Amino acid sequence: MSNDVRGNATLFAEPEINPESNLAWGAAAIGRVVNRTPEQVRRLHQSGFFGNAVWKAGHRTLVGSIPKLRNLGSI
C-alpha cells in the first residue's frame, strides 16, 4: 500500500510495467504501452480487440503482454 498526500493508506498501488517479464499489470499500465486511457483499454479488451495480448488475472486485474501489444501496431 502507498500513502496519499494526507498520510492515509491507499488500497491500490501504481500500475506496473515489469520489463523482466514483459508484462504490463493493470489497465493504466497497458494504456501507457498502447497510448490509451485505462477506460479505453477496458472497452477494447471487452470488445476483444486485443485478442490474446491482454487477459484477466483474477476478478478485475488486466494483464498485457508488452511484445504482443507493441505488435498490434497503431490503434
C-alpha atoms as a PDB file:
ATOM      1  CA  MET A   1       0.000   0.000   0.000  1.00  0.00           C
ATOM      2  CA  SER A   2       1.089   3.552  -0.631  1.00  0.00           C
ATOM      3  CA  ASN A   3       0.198   6.748   1.198  1.00  0.00           C
ATOM      4  CA  ASP A   4      -1.711   9.680  -0.214  1.00  0.00           C
ATOM      5  CA  VAL A   5      -0.773  13.326   0.481  1.00  0.00           C
ATOM      6  CA  ARG A   6      -2.641  13.285   3.805  1.00  0.00           C
ATOM      7  CA  GLY A   7      -0.790  10.196   5.014  1.00  0.00           C
ATOM      8  CA  ASN A   8      -3.773   7.891   4.569  1.00  0.00           C
ATOM      9  CA  ALA A   9      -3.121   4.450   3.156  1.00  0.00           C
ATOM     10  CA  THR A  10      -4.497   3.850  -0.317  1.00  0.00           C
ATOM     11  CA  LEU A  11      -5.563   0.411  -1.464  1.00  0.00           C
ATOM     12  CA  PHE A  12      -4.216   0.450  -4.982  1.00  0.00           C
ATOM     13  CA  ALA A  13      -0.575   0.712  -5.986  1.00  0.00           C
ATOM     14  CA  GLU A  14       0.709   2.416  -9.112  1.00  0.00           C
ATOM     15  CA  PRO A  15       0.139   0.466 -12.332  1.00  0.00           C
ATOM     16  CA  GLU A  16       3.174  -1.608 -13.065  1.00  0.00           C
ATOM     17  CA  ILE A  17       5.166  -2.443 -16.153  1.00  0.00           C
ATOM     18  CA  ASN A  18       7.578  -5.273 -15.464  1.00  0.00           C
ATOM     19  CA  PRO A  19      10.259  -5.260 -18.189  1.00  0.00           C
ATOM     20  CA  GLU A  20      11.820  -8.509 -16.905  1.00  0.00           C
ATOM     21  CA  SER A  21       8.643 -10.488 -17.503  1.00  0.00           C
ATOM     22  CA  ASN A  22       7.397  -8.336 -20.424  1.00  0.00           C
ATOM     23  CA  LEU A  23       4.052  -7.846 -18.672  1.00  0.00           C
ATOM     24  CA  ALA A  24       2.004  -4.717 -18.033  1.00  0.00           C
ATOM     25  CA  TRP A  25      -0.207  -5.064 -14.939  1.00  0.00           C
ATOM     26  CA  GLY A  26      -3.417  -3.026 -14.912  1.00  0.00           C
ATOM     27  CA  ALA A  27      -5.374  -1.038 -17.471  1.00  0.00           C
ATOM     28  CA  ALA A  28      -3.321   2.116 -16.825  1.00  0.00           C
ATOM     29  CA  ALA A  29      -0.015   0.329 -17.467  1.00  0.00           C
ATOM     30  CA  ILE A  30      -1.399  -1.298 -20.622  1.00  0.00           C
ATOM     31  CA  GLY A  31      -2.663   2.126 -21.664  1.00  0.00           C
ATOM     32  CA  ARG A  32       0.838   3.562 -21.366  1.00  0.00           C
ATOM     33  CA  VAL A  33       2.096   0.875 -23.762  1.00  0.00           C
ATOM     34  CA  VAL A  34      -0.635   1.483 -26.379  1.00  0.00           C
ATOM     35  CA  ASN A  35      -1.145   5.210 -25.708  1.00  0.00           C
ATOM     36  CA  ARG A  36      -4.734   4.891 -24.485  1.00  0.00           C
ATOM     37  CA  THR A  37      -6.614   5.743 -21.275  1.00  0.00           C
ATOM     38  CA  PRO A  38      -7.480   2.967 -18.798  1.00  0.00           C
ATOM     39  CA  GLU A  39     -11.155   3.298 -19.749  1.00  0.00           C
ATOM     40  CA  GLN A  40     -10.309   2.842 -23.436  1.00  0.00           C
ATOM     41  CA  VAL A  41      -8.181  -0.197 -22.608  1.00  0.00           C
ATOM     42  CA  ARG A  42     -11.058  -1.802 -20.663  1.00  0.00           C
ATOM     43  CA  ARG A  43     -13.509  -1.215 -23.526  1.00  0.00           C
ATOM     44  CA  LEU A  44     -11.074  -2.510 -26.142  1.00  0.00           C
ATOM     45  CA  HIS A  45     -10.486  -5.619 -24.025  1.00  0.00           C
ATOM     46  CA  GLN A  46     -14.226  -6.190 -23.589  1.00  0.00           C
ATOM     47  CA  SER A  47     -14.720  -5.918 -27.344  1.00  0.00           C
ATOM     48  CA  GLY A  48     -11.976  -8.500 -27.968  1.00  0.00           C
ATOM     49  CA  PHE A  49      -9.700  -6.078 -29.796  1.00  0.00           C
ATOM     50  CA  PHE A  50      -6.515  -7.191 -28.035  1.00  0.00           C
ATOM     51  CA  GLY A  51      -7.041 -10.904 -28.648  1.00  0.00           C
ATOM     52  CA  ASN A  52      -4.577 -12.904 -26.565  1.00  0.00           C
ATOM     53  CA  ALA A  53      -2.364  -9.853 -25.875  1.00  0.00           C
ATOM     54  CA  VAL A  54      -4.474  -8.906 -22.817  1.00  0.00           C
ATOM     55  CA  TRP A  55      -6.201 -11.159 -20.297  1.00  0.00           C
ATOM     56  CA  LYS A  56      -7.708 -11.001 -16.828  1.00  0.00           C
ATOM     57  CA  ALA A  57      -5.691 -12.159 -13.838  1.00  0.00           C
ATOM     58  CA  GLY A  58      -8.184 -12.772 -11.107  1.00  0.00           C
ATOM     59  CA  HIS A  59     -11.511 -10.998 -10.968  1.00  0.00           C
ATOM     60  CA  ARG A  60     -10.563  -7.456 -12.044  1.00  0.00           C
ATOM     61  CA  THR A  61      -6.918  -7.029 -12.989  1.00  0.00           C
ATOM     62  CA  LEU A  62      -5.957  -6.842 -16.649  1.00  0.00           C
ATOM     63  CA  VAL A  63      -2.526  -8.083 -17.686  1.00  0.00           C
ATOM     64  CA  GLY A  64      -0.946  -7.419 -21.064  1.00  0.00           C
ATOM     65  CA  SER A  65       1.964  -8.920 -22.936  1.00  0.00           C
ATOM     66  CA  ILE A  66       4.134  -5.943 -23.889  1.00  0.00           C
ATOM     67  CA  PRO A  67       5.638  -7.557 -27.027  1.00  0.00           C
ATOM     68  CA  LYS A  68       2.185  -8.606 -28.273  1.00  0.00           C
ATOM     69  CA  LEU A  69       0.758  -5.155 -27.557  1.00  0.00           C
ATOM     70  CA  ARG A  70       3.561  -3.494 -29.497  1.00  0.00           C
ATOM     71  CA  ASN A  71       2.990  -5.868 -32.424  1.00  0.00           C
ATOM     72  CA  LEU A  72      -0.623  -4.701 -32.716  1.00  0.00           C
ATOM     73  CA  GLY A  73       0.621  -1.521 -34.360  1.00  0.00           C
ATOM     74  CA  SER A  74      -1.200   1.752 -34.002  1.00  0.00           C
ATOM     75  CA  ILE A  75      -4.710   1.568 -32.652  1.00  0.00           C
END
